[in-house]
Amino acid sequence: SLARQEIAELFLVLLIMLMVARNIPRTTNFTLFVVFGASL
């Protein structure tokens, strides 16, 4: 029943996944970090 928090936690997990990712180029990682952070 908490739709906005469900989506926020999805973006939070995506941000954490970016933090532990090793094979993503730095510019792509930064771009995704900004997009997921703003989405959060």
PDB file of all heavy atoms in Angstrom:
ATOM      1  N   SER A   1       0.812  -1.222   0.000  1.00  0.00           N
ATOM      2  CA  SER A   1       0.000   0.000   0.000  1.00  0.00           C
ATOM      3  C   SER A   1       0.844   1.270   0.000  1.00  0.00           C
ATOM      4  O   SER A   1       0.307   2.367   0.063  1.00  0.00           O
ATOM      5  CB  SER A   1      -0.927   0.000   1.219  1.00  0.00           C
ATOM      6  OG  SER A   1      -0.162   0.008   2.410  1.00  0.00           O
ATOM      7  N   LEU A   2       2.148   1.132  -0.058  1.00  0.00           N
ATOM      8  CA  LEU A   2       3.048   2.288  -0.057  1.00  0.00           C
ATOM      9  C   LEU A   2       3.777   2.380  -1.396  1.00  0.00           C
ATOM     10  O   LEU A   2       4.974   2.111  -1.487  1.00  0.00           O
ATOM     11  CB  LEU A   2       4.044   2.173   1.100  1.00  0.00           C
ATOM     12  CG  LEU A   2       3.443   2.072   2.496  1.00  0.00           C
ATOM     13  CD1 LEU A   2       4.524   1.768   3.517  1.00  0.00           C
ATOM     14  CD2 LEU A   2       2.695   3.338   2.856  1.00  0.00           C
ATOM     15  N   ALA A   3       3.070   2.763  -2.413  1.00  0.00           N
ATOM     16  CA  ALA A   3       3.610   2.745  -3.781  1.00  0.00           C
ATOM     17  C   ALA A   3       4.852   3.598  -3.932  1.00  0.00           C
ATOM     18  O   ALA A   3       5.842   3.173  -4.535  1.00  0.00           O
ATOM     19  CB  ALA A   3       2.543   3.205  -4.764  1.00  0.00           C
ATOM     20  N   ARG A   4       4.837   4.792  -3.392  1.00  0.00           N
ATOM     21  CA  ARG A   4       5.998   5.670  -3.589  1.00  0.00           C
ATOM     22  C   ARG A   4       7.232   5.125  -2.877  1.00  0.00           C
ATOM     23  O   ARG A   4       8.348   5.270  -3.349  1.00  0.00           O
ATOM     24  CB  ARG A   4       5.688   7.090  -3.163  1.00  0.00           C
ATOM     25  CG  ARG A   4       5.243   7.223  -1.742  1.00  0.00           C
ATOM     26  CD  ARG A   4       4.773   8.611  -1.442  1.00  0.00           C
ATOM     27  NE  ARG A   4       4.178   8.595  -0.104  1.00  0.00           N
ATOM     28  CZ  ARG A   4       3.831   9.646   0.544  1.00  0.00           C
ATOM     29  NH1 ARG A   4       3.990  10.824   0.001  1.00  0.00           N
ATOM     30  NH2 ARG A   4       3.313   9.561   1.735  1.00  0.00           N
ATOM     31  N   GLN A   5       7.052   4.472  -1.724  1.00  0.00           N
ATOM     32  CA  GLN A   5       8.195   3.898  -1.023  1.00  0.00           C
ATOM     33  C   GLN A   5       8.704   2.652  -1.737  1.00  0.00           C
ATOM     34  O   GLN A   5       9.903   2.384  -1.743  1.00  0.00           O
ATOM     35  CB  GLN A   5       7.834   3.576   0.421  1.00  0.00           C
ATOM     36  CG  GLN A   5       9.041   3.246   1.249  1.00  0.00           C
ATOM     37  CD  GLN A   5       8.749   3.242   2.727  1.00  0.00           C
ATOM     38  OE1 GLN A   5       7.777   3.812   3.179  1.00  0.00           O
ATOM     39  NE2 GLN A   5       9.603   2.589   3.477  1.00  0.00           N
ATOM     40  N   GLU A   6       7.823   1.894  -2.354  1.00  0.00           N
ATOM     41  CA  GLU A   6       8.261   0.731  -3.137  1.00  0.00           C
ATOM     42  C   GLU A   6       9.206   1.159  -4.250  1.00  0.00           C
ATOM     43  O   GLU A   6      10.272   0.574  -4.438  1.00  0.00           O
ATOM     44  CB  GLU A   6       7.057   0.019  -3.757  1.00  0.00           C
ATOM     45  CG  GLU A   6       6.214  -0.744  -2.803  1.00  0.00           C
ATOM     46  CD  GLU A   6       4.998  -1.349  -3.490  1.00  0.00           C
ATOM     47  OE1 GLU A   6       4.518  -0.796  -4.496  1.00  0.00           O
ATOM     48  OE2 GLU A   6       4.529  -2.384  -3.010  1.00  0.00           O
ATOM     49  N   ILE A   7       8.815   2.193  -4.962  1.00  0.00           N
ATOM     50  CA  ILE A   7       9.646   2.675  -6.074  1.00  0.00           C
ATOM     51  C   ILE A   7      10.942   3.279  -5.547  1.00  0.00           C
ATOM     52  O   ILE A   7      12.016   3.074  -6.129  1.00  0.00           O
ATOM     53  CB  ILE A   7       8.854   3.678  -6.940  1.00  0.00           C
ATOM     54  CG1 ILE A   7       7.599   3.021  -7.515  1.00  0.00           C
ATOM     55  CG2 ILE A   7       9.721   4.268  -8.030  1.00  0.00           C
ATOM     56  CD1 ILE A   7       7.862   1.777  -8.342  1.00  0.00           C
ATOM     57  N   ALA A   8      10.871   3.996  -4.421  1.00  0.00           N
ATOM     58  CA  ALA A   8      12.081   4.581  -3.838  1.00  0.00           C
ATOM     59  C   ALA A   8      13.062   3.496  -3.414  1.00  0.00           C
ATOM     60  O   ALA A   8      14.270   3.629  -3.629  1.00  0.00           O
ATOM     61  CB  ALA A   8      11.713   5.461  -2.641  1.00  0.00           C
ATOM     62  N   GLU A   9      12.560   2.412  -2.828  1.00  0.00           N
ATOM     63  CA  GLU A   9      13.453   1.337  -2.421  1.00  0.00           C
ATOM     64  C   GLU A   9      14.051   0.614  -3.626  1.00  0.00           C
ATOM     65  O   GLU A   9      15.180   0.138  -3.566  1.00  0.00           O
ATOM     66  CB  GLU A   9      12.733   0.372  -1.485  1.00  0.00           C
ATOM     67  CG  GLU A   9      12.500   0.989  -0.116  1.00  0.00           C
ATOM     68  CD  GLU A   9      12.022   0.008   0.919  1.00  0.00           C
ATOM     69  OE1 GLU A   9      12.262  -1.203   0.764  1.00  0.00           O
ATOM     70  OE2 GLU A   9      11.408   0.473   1.900  1.00  0.00           O
ATOM     71  N   LEU A  10      13.309   0.560  -4.709  1.00  0.00           N
ATOM     72  CA  LEU A  10      13.866   0.003  -5.941  1.00  0.00           C
ATOM     73  C   LEU A  10      15.058   0.843  -6.407  1.00  0.00           C
ATOM     74  O   LEU A  10      16.125   0.312  -6.724  1.00  0.00           O
ATOM     75  CB  LEU A  10      12.796  -0.053  -7.035  1.00  0.00           C
ATOM     76  CG  LEU A  10      13.281  -0.437  -8.429  1.00  0.00           C
ATOM     77  CD1 LEU A  10      13.725  -1.892  -8.450  1.00  0.00           C
ATOM     78  CD2 LEU A  10      12.206  -0.185  -9.447  1.00  0.00           C
ATOM     79  N   PHE A  11      14.891   2.165  -6.422  1.00  0.00           N
ATOM     80  CA  PHE A  11      15.995   3.038  -6.831  1.00  0.00           C
ATOM     81  C   PHE A  11      17.145   2.999  -5.827  1.00  0.00           C
ATOM     82  O   PHE A  11      18.311   3.092  -6.213  1.00  0.00           O
ATOM     83  CB  PHE A  11      15.503   4.472  -7.035  1.00  0.00           C
ATOM     84  CG  PHE A  11      14.687   4.640  -8.281  1.00  0.00           C
ATOM     85  CD1 PHE A  11      13.394   5.126  -8.218  1.00  0.00           C
ATOM     86  CD2 PHE A  11      15.195   4.302  -9.520  1.00  0.00           C
ATOM     87  CE1 PHE A  11      12.630   5.269  -9.367  1.00  0.00           C
ATOM     88  CE2 PHE A  11      14.442   4.446 -10.679  1.00  0.00           C
ATOM     89  CZ  PHE A  11      13.157   4.933 -10.598  1.00  0.00           C
ATOM     90  N   LEU A  12      16.837   2.833  -4.546  1.00  0.00           N
ATOM     91  CA  LEU A  12      17.879   2.714  -3.536  1.00  0.00           C
ATOM     92  C   LEU A  12      18.726   1.468  -3.778  1.00  0.00           C
ATOM     93  O   LEU A  12      19.955   1.519  -3.739  1.00  0.00           O
ATOM     94  CB  LEU A  12      17.256   2.667  -2.132  1.00  0.00           C
ATOM     95  CG  LEU A  12      18.212   2.492  -0.976  1.00  0.00           C
ATOM     96  CD1 LEU A  12      19.150   3.679  -0.856  1.00  0.00           C
ATOM     97  CD2 LEU A  12      17.442   2.298   0.318  1.00  0.00           C
ATOM     98  N   VAL A  13      18.086   0.357  -4.076  1.00  0.00           N
ATOM     99  CA  VAL A  13      18.817  -0.880  -4.356  1.00  0.00           C
ATOM    100  C   VAL A  13      19.619  -0.738  -5.653  1.00  0.00           C
ATOM    101  O   VAL A  13      20.752  -1.224  -5.742  1.00  0.00           O
ATOM    102  CB  VAL A  13      17.859  -2.082  -4.390  1.00  0.00           C
ATOM    103  CG1 VAL A  13      18.544  -3.324  -4.941  1.00  0.00           C
ATOM    104  CG2 VAL A  13      17.320  -2.364  -3.007  1.00  0.00           C
ATOM    105  N   LEU A  14      19.064  -0.052  -6.644  1.00  0.00           N
ATOM    106  CA  LEU A  14      19.822   0.180  -7.877  1.00  0.00           C
ATOM    107  C   LEU A  14      21.068   1.014  -7.595  1.00  0.00           C
ATOM    108  O   LEU A  14      22.143   0.759  -8.167  1.00  0.00           O
ATOM    109  CB  LEU A  14      18.935   0.857  -8.926  1.00  0.00           C
ATOM    110  CG  LEU A  14      17.855  -0.025  -9.536  1.00  0.00           C
ATOM    111  CD1 LEU A  14      16.916   0.814 -10.414  1.00  0.00           C
ATOM    112  CD2 LEU A  14      18.450  -1.154 -10.343  1.00  0.00           C
ATOM    113  N   LEU A  15      20.959   2.006  -6.707  1.00  0.00           N
ATOM    114  CA  LEU A  15      22.133   2.796  -6.330  1.00  0.00           C
ATOM    115  C   LEU A  15      23.173   1.944  -5.616  1.00  0.00           C
ATOM    116  O   LEU A  15      24.380   2.044  -5.888  1.00  0.00           O
ATOM    117  CB  LEU A  15      21.709   3.957  -5.432  1.00  0.00           C
ATOM    118  CG  LEU A  15      21.078   5.145  -6.131  1.00  0.00           C
ATOM    119  CD1 LEU A  15      20.396   6.059  -5.125  1.00  0.00           C
ATOM    120  CD2 LEU A  15      22.110   5.909  -6.924  1.00  0.00           C
ATOM    121  N   ILE A  16      22.729   1.095  -4.718  1.00  0.00           N
ATOM    122  CA  ILE A  16      23.659   0.224  -4.001  1.00  0.00           C
ATOM    123  C   ILE A  16      24.311  -0.768  -4.961  1.00  0.00           C
ATOM    124  O   ILE A  16      25.509  -1.063  -4.848  1.00  0.00           O
ATOM    125  CB  ILE A  16      22.941  -0.487  -2.840  1.00  0.00           C
ATOM    126  CG1 ILE A  16      22.506   0.544  -1.799  1.00  0.00           C
ATOM    127  CG2 ILE A  16      23.842  -1.531  -2.194  1.00  0.00           C
ATOM    128  CD1 ILE A  16      21.591   0.009  -0.731  1.00  0.00           C
ATOM    129  N   MET A  17      23.546  -1.253  -5.932  1.00  0.00           N
ATOM    130  CA  MET A  17      24.118  -2.149  -6.936  1.00  0.00           C
ATOM    131  C   MET A  17      25.215  -1.441  -7.732  1.00  0.00           C
ATOM    132  O   MET A  17      26.231  -2.051  -8.076  1.00  0.00           O
ATOM    133  CB  MET A  17      23.030  -2.668  -7.876  1.00  0.00           C
ATOM    134  CG  MET A  17      22.133  -3.711  -7.255  1.00  0.00           C
ATOM    135  SD  MET A  17      20.781  -4.206  -8.322  1.00  0.00           S
ATOM    136  CE  MET A  17      21.655  -5.047  -9.635  1.00  0.00           C
ATOM    137  N   LEU A  18      25.005  -0.157  -8.028  1.00  0.00           N
ATOM    138  CA  LEU A  18      26.042   0.600  -8.731  1.00  0.00           C
ATOM    139  C   LEU A  18      27.301   0.733  -7.889  1.00  0.00           C
ATOM    140  O   LEU A  18      28.414   0.733  -8.413  1.00  0.00           O
ATOM    141  CB  LEU A  18      25.524   1.994  -9.088  1.00  0.00           C
ATOM    142  CG  LEU A  18      24.635   2.102 -10.299  1.00  0.00           C
ATOM    143  CD1 LEU A  18      24.133   3.532 -10.458  1.00  0.00           C
ATOM    144  CD2 LEU A  18      25.363   1.667 -11.550  1.00  0.00           C
ATOM    145  N   MET A  19      27.119   0.858  -6.576  1.00  0.00           N
ATOM    146  CA  MET A  19      28.278   1.011  -5.698  1.00  0.00           C
ATOM    147  C   MET A  19      29.150  -0.238  -5.665  1.00  0.00           C
ATOM    148  O   MET A  19      30.364  -0.133  -5.506  1.00  0.00           O
ATOM    149  CB  MET A  19      27.824   1.343  -4.280  1.00  0.00           C
ATOM    150  CG  MET A  19      27.276   2.718  -4.123  1.00  0.00           C
ATOM    151  SD  MET A  19      26.773   2.931  -2.413  1.00  0.00           S
ATOM    152  CE  MET A  19      25.958   4.492  -2.533  1.00  0.00           C
ATOM    153  N   VAL A  20      28.544  -1.400  -5.791  1.00  0.00           N
ATOM    154  CA  VAL A  20      29.333  -2.633  -5.733  1.00  0.00           C
ATOM    155  C   VAL A  20      29.697  -3.158  -7.118  1.00  0.00           C
ATOM    156  O   VAL A  20      30.439  -4.125  -7.218  1.00  0.00           O
ATOM    157  CB  VAL A  20      28.605  -3.735  -4.922  1.00  0.00           C
ATOM    158  CG1 VAL A  20      28.373  -3.288  -3.495  1.00  0.00           C
ATOM    159  CG2 VAL A  20      27.320  -4.162  -5.580  1.00  0.00           C
ATOM    160  N   ALA A  21      29.185  -2.522  -8.163  1.00  0.00           N
ATOM    161  CA  ALA A  21      29.491  -2.967  -9.526  1.00  0.00           C
ATOM    162  C   ALA A  21      30.947  -2.682  -9.850  1.00  0.00           C
ATOM    163  O   ALA A  21      31.485  -1.636  -9.507  1.00  0.00           O
ATOM    164  CB  ALA A  21      28.581  -2.272 -10.528  1.00  0.00           C
ATOM    165  N   ARG A  22      31.565  -3.615 -10.527  1.00  0.00           N
ATOM    166  CA  ARG A  22      32.979  -3.469 -10.865  1.00  0.00           C
ATOM    167  C   ARG A  22      33.229  -3.307 -12.356  1.00  0.00           C
ATOM    168  O   ARG A  22      34.264  -2.826 -12.757  1.00  0.00           O
ATOM    169  CB  ARG A  22      33.741  -4.701 -10.364  1.00  0.00           C
ATOM    170  CG  ARG A  22      33.709  -4.840  -8.888  1.00  0.00           C
ATOM    171  CD  ARG A  22      34.545  -6.015  -8.448  1.00  0.00           C
ATOM    172  NE  ARG A  22      34.351  -6.235  -7.031  1.00  0.00           N
ATOM    173  CZ  ARG A  22      34.105  -7.393  -6.485  1.00  0.00           C
ATOM    174  NH1 ARG A  22      34.038  -8.471  -7.227  1.00  0.00           N
ATOM    175  NH2 ARG A  22      33.945  -7.500  -5.200  1.00  0.00           N
ATOM    176  N   ASN A  23      32.290  -3.719 -13.171  1.00  0.00           N
ATOM    177  CA  ASN A  23      32.548  -3.764 -14.603  1.00  0.00           C
ATOM    178  C   ASN A  23      31.839  -2.670 -15.395  1.00  0.00           C
ATOM    179  O   ASN A  23      31.755  -2.748 -16.602  1.00  0.00           O
ATOM    180  CB  ASN A  23      32.155  -5.138 -15.149  1.00  0.00           C
ATOM    181  CG  ASN A  23      30.708  -5.480 -14.820  1.00  0.00           C
ATOM    182  OD1 ASN A  23      30.057  -4.746 -14.084  1.00  0.00           O
ATOM    183  ND2 ASN A  23      30.215  -6.568 -15.363  1.00  0.00           N
ATOM    184  N   ILE A  24      31.350  -1.632 -14.728  1.00  0.00           N
ATOM    185  CA  ILE A  24      30.675  -0.538 -15.421  1.00  0.00           C
ATOM    186  C   ILE A  24      31.673   0.603 -15.594  1.00  0.00           C
ATOM    187  O   ILE A  24      32.345   0.988 -14.628  1.00  0.00           O
ATOM    188  CB  ILE A  24      29.440  -0.062 -14.627  1.00  0.00           C
ATOM    189  CG1 ILE A  24      28.435  -1.200 -14.485  1.00  0.00           C
ATOM    190  CG2 ILE A  24      28.786   1.129 -15.297  1.00  0.00           C
ATOM    191  CD1 ILE A  24      27.224  -0.852 -13.650  1.00  0.00           C
ATOM    192  N   PRO A  25      31.775   1.147 -16.802  1.00  0.00           N
ATOM    193  CA  PRO A  25      32.685   2.285 -17.003  1.00  0.00           C
ATOM    194  C   PRO A  25      32.330   3.455 -16.088  1.00  0.00           C
ATOM    195  O   PRO A  25      31.175   3.650 -15.730  1.00  0.00           O
ATOM    196  CB  PRO A  25      32.479   2.665 -18.471  1.00  0.00           C
ATOM    197  CG  PRO A  25      31.892   1.453 -19.104  1.00  0.00           C
ATOM    198  CD  PRO A  25      31.131   0.738 -18.047  1.00  0.00           C
ATOM    199  N   ARG A  26      33.327   4.212 -15.720  1.00  0.00           N
ATOM    200  CA  ARG A  26      33.156   5.291 -14.739  1.00  0.00           C
ATOM    201  C   ARG A  26      32.107   6.321 -15.160  1.00  0.00           C
ATOM    202  O   ARG A  26      31.298   6.753 -14.345  1.00  0.00           O
ATOM    203  CB  ARG A  26      34.505   5.949 -14.498  1.00  0.00           C
ATOM    204  CG  ARG A  26      34.577   6.737 -13.235  1.00  0.00           C
ATOM    205  CD  ARG A  26      36.013   7.240 -13.026  1.00  0.00           C
ATOM    206  NE  ARG A  26      36.130   7.793 -11.720  1.00  0.00           N
ATOM    207  CZ  ARG A  26      36.707   7.199 -10.692  1.00  0.00           C
ATOM    208  NH1 ARG A  26      37.220   6.017 -10.841  1.00  0.00           N
ATOM    209  NH2 ARG A  26      36.780   7.787  -9.525  1.00  0.00           N
ATOM    210  N   THR A  27      32.097   6.721 -16.429  1.00  0.00           N
ATOM    211  CA  THR A  27      31.128   7.732 -16.875  1.00  0.00           C
ATOM    212  C   THR A  27      29.705   7.175 -16.864  1.00  0.00           C
ATOM    213  O   THR A  27      28.766   7.865 -16.474  1.00  0.00           O
ATOM    214  CB  THR A  27      31.475   8.247 -18.283  1.00  0.00           C
ATOM    215  OG1 THR A  27      31.583   7.141 -19.173  1.00  0.00           O
ATOM    216  CG2 THR A  27      32.767   9.036 -18.268  1.00  0.00           C
ATOM    217  N   THR A  28      29.550   5.930 -17.259  1.00  0.00           N
ATOM    218  CA  THR A  28      28.238   5.294 -17.224  1.00  0.00           C
ATOM    219  C   THR A  28      27.765   5.147 -15.789  1.00  0.00           C
ATOM    220  O   THR A  28      26.594   5.415 -15.478  1.00  0.00           O
ATOM    221  CB  THR A  28      28.285   3.915 -17.906  1.00  0.00           C
ATOM    222  OG1 THR A  28      28.800   4.069 -19.223  1.00  0.00           O
ATOM    223  CG2 THR A  28      26.920   3.277 -17.954  1.00  0.00           C
ATOM    224  N   ASN A  29      28.665   4.738 -14.913  1.00  0.00           N
ATOM    225  CA  ASN A  29      28.338   4.592 -13.501  1.00  0.00           C
ATOM    226  C   ASN A  29      27.878   5.925 -12.917  1.00  0.00           C
ATOM    227  O   ASN A  29      26.876   5.987 -12.204  1.00  0.00           O
ATOM    228  CB  ASN A  29      29.546   4.059 -12.740  1.00  0.00           C
ATOM    229  CG  ASN A  29      29.191   3.525 -11.376  1.00  0.00           C
ATOM    230  OD1 ASN A  29      28.224   3.938 -10.759  1.00  0.00           O
ATOM    231  ND2 ASN A  29      29.997   2.616 -10.891  1.00  0.00           N
ATOM    232  N   PHE A  30      28.608   6.998 -13.219  1.00  0.00           N
ATOM    233  CA  PHE A  30      28.250   8.320 -12.707  1.00  0.00           C
ATOM    234  C   PHE A  30      26.894   8.769 -13.244  1.00  0.00           C
ATOM    235  O   PHE A  30      26.066   9.296 -12.500  1.00  0.00           O
ATOM    236  CB  PHE A  30      29.331   9.344 -13.064  1.00  0.00           C
ATOM    237  CG  PHE A  30      29.007  10.729 -12.602  1.00  0.00           C
ATOM    238  CD1 PHE A  30      29.146  11.065 -11.264  1.00  0.00           C
ATOM    239  CD2 PHE A  30      28.543  11.682 -13.494  1.00  0.00           C
ATOM    240  CE1 PHE A  30      28.833  12.347 -10.825  1.00  0.00           C
ATOM    241  CE2 PHE A  30      28.221  12.958 -13.067  1.00  0.00           C
ATOM    242  CZ  PHE A  30      28.379  13.298 -11.728  1.00  0.00           C
ATOM    243  N   THR A  31      26.665   8.556 -14.533  1.00  0.00           N
ATOM    244  CA  THR A  31      25.389   8.952 -15.138  1.00  0.00           C
ATOM    245  C   THR A  31      24.221   8.201 -14.499  1.00  0.00           C
ATOM    246  O   THR A  31      23.209   8.801 -14.136  1.00  0.00           O
ATOM    247  CB  THR A  31      25.408   8.688 -16.657  1.00  0.00           C
ATOM    248  OG1 THR A  31      26.514   9.376 -17.234  1.00  0.00           O
ATOM    249  CG2 THR A  31      24.126   9.142 -17.310  1.00  0.00           C
ATOM    250  N   LEU A  32      24.376   6.887 -14.358  1.00  0.00           N
ATOM    251  CA  LEU A  32      23.323   6.103 -13.720  1.00  0.00           C
ATOM    252  C   LEU A  32      23.137   6.497 -12.260  1.00  0.00           C
ATOM    253  O   LEU A  32      22.018   6.518 -11.749  1.00  0.00           O
ATOM    254  CB  LEU A  32      23.636   4.608 -13.828  1.00  0.00           C
ATOM    255  CG  LEU A  32      23.509   4.007 -15.218  1.00  0.00           C
ATOM    256  CD1 LEU A  32      24.009   2.565 -15.220  1.00  0.00           C
ATOM    257  CD2 LEU A  32      22.071   4.073 -15.708  1.00  0.00           C
ATOM    258  N   PHE A  33      24.237   6.822 -11.582  1.00  0.00           N
ATOM    259  CA  PHE A  33      24.164   7.253 -10.190  1.00  0.00           C
ATOM    260  C   PHE A  33      23.336   8.534 -10.062  1.00  0.00           C
ATOM    261  O   PHE A  33      22.503   8.659  -9.165  1.00  0.00           O
ATOM    262  CB  PHE A  33      25.575   7.465  -9.641  1.00  0.00           C
ATOM    263  CG  PHE A  33      25.646   7.518  -8.144  1.00  0.00           C
ATOM    264  CD1 PHE A  33      25.691   6.350  -7.420  1.00  0.00           C
ATOM    265  CD2 PHE A  33      25.677   8.718  -7.482  1.00  0.00           C
ATOM    266  CE1 PHE A  33      25.760   6.381  -6.039  1.00  0.00           C
ATOM    267  CE2 PHE A  33      25.739   8.774  -6.111  1.00  0.00           C
ATOM    268  CZ  PHE A  33      25.784   7.596  -5.383  1.00  0.00           C
ATOM    269  N   VAL A  34      23.544   9.481 -10.968  1.00  0.00           N
ATOM    270  CA  VAL A  34      22.774  10.730 -10.951  1.00  0.00           C
ATOM    271  C   VAL A  34      21.305  10.458 -11.263  1.00  0.00           C
ATOM    272  O   VAL A  34      20.404  10.984 -10.592  1.00  0.00           O
ATOM    273  CB  VAL A  34      23.379  11.751 -11.946  1.00  0.00           C
ATOM    274  CG1 VAL A  34      22.460  12.939 -12.161  1.00  0.00           C
ATOM    275  CG2 VAL A  34      24.744  12.210 -11.462  1.00  0.00           C
ATOM    276  N   VAL A  35      21.032   9.628 -12.268  1.00  0.00           N
ATOM    277  CA  VAL A  35      19.645   9.324 -12.647  1.00  0.00           C
ATOM    278  C   VAL A  35      18.919   8.603 -11.521  1.00  0.00           C
ATOM    279  O   VAL A  35      17.802   8.982 -11.135  1.00  0.00           O
ATOM    280  CB  VAL A  35      19.611   8.485 -13.952  1.00  0.00           C
ATOM    281  CG1 VAL A  35      18.223   7.933 -14.203  1.00  0.00           C
ATOM    282  CG2 VAL A  35      20.076   9.322 -15.123  1.00  0.00           C
ATOM    283  N   PHE A  36      19.539   7.573 -10.950  1.00  0.00           N
ATOM    284  CA  PHE A  36      18.893   6.824  -9.876  1.00  0.00           C
ATOM    285  C   PHE A  36      18.769   7.660  -8.605  1.00  0.00           C
ATOM    286  O   PHE A  36      17.785   7.555  -7.875  1.00  0.00           O
ATOM    287  CB  PHE A  36      19.641   5.525  -9.578  1.00  0.00           C
ATOM    288  CG  PHE A  36      19.609   4.525 -10.695  1.00  0.00           C
ATOM    289  CD1 PHE A  36      20.606   3.580 -10.823  1.00  0.00           C
ATOM    290  CD2 PHE A  36      18.584   4.521 -11.630  1.00  0.00           C
ATOM    291  CE1 PHE A  36      20.588   2.651 -11.842  1.00  0.00           C
ATOM    292  CE2 PHE A  36      18.554   3.598 -12.666  1.00  0.00           C
ATOM    293  CZ  PHE A  36      19.557   2.670 -12.760  1.00  0.00           C
ATOM    294  N   GLY A  37      19.765   8.509  -8.337  1.00  0.00           N
ATOM    295  CA  GLY A  37      19.702   9.387  -7.166  1.00  0.00           C
ATOM    296  C   GLY A  37      18.571  10.404  -7.290  1.00  0.00           C
ATOM    297  O   GLY A  37      17.823  10.642  -6.338  1.00  0.00           O
ATOM    298  N   ALA A  38      18.445  11.001  -8.468  1.00  0.00           N
ATOM    299  CA  ALA A  38      17.338  11.941  -8.688  1.00  0.00           C
ATOM    300  C   ALA A  38      15.996  11.219  -8.628  1.00  0.00           C
ATOM    301  O   ALA A  38      15.023  11.741  -8.072  1.00  0.00           O
ATOM    302  CB  ALA A  38      17.513  12.631 -10.038  1.00  0.00           C
ATOM    303  N   SER A  39      15.939  10.016  -9.171  1.00  0.00           N
ATOM    304  CA  SER A  39      14.703   9.238  -9.125  1.00  0.00           C
ATOM    305  C   SER A  39      14.338   8.881  -7.693  1.00  0.00           C
ATOM    306  O   SER A  39      13.156   8.889  -7.326  1.00  0.00           O
ATOM    307  CB  SER A  39      14.851   7.964  -9.957  1.00  0.00           C
ATOM    308  OG  SER A  39      15.110   8.296 -11.302  1.00  0.00           O
ATOM    309  N   LEU A  40      15.326   8.579  -6.889  1.00  0.00           N
ATOM    310  CA  LEU A  40      15.077   8.297  -5.478  1.00  0.00           C
ATOM    311  C   LEU A  40      14.516   9.534  -4.782  1.00  0.00           C
ATOM    312  O   LEU A  40      13.550   9.444  -4.025  1.00  0.00           O
ATOM    313  CB  LEU A  40      16.369   7.841  -4.790  1.00  0.00           C
ATOM    314  CG  LEU A  40      16.320   7.648  -3.283  1.00  0.00           C
ATOM    315  CD1 LEU A  40      15.385   6.498  -2.926  1.00  0.00           C
ATOM    316  CD2 LEU A  40      17.707   7.393  -2.731  1.00  0.00           C
TER     317      LEU A  40
END
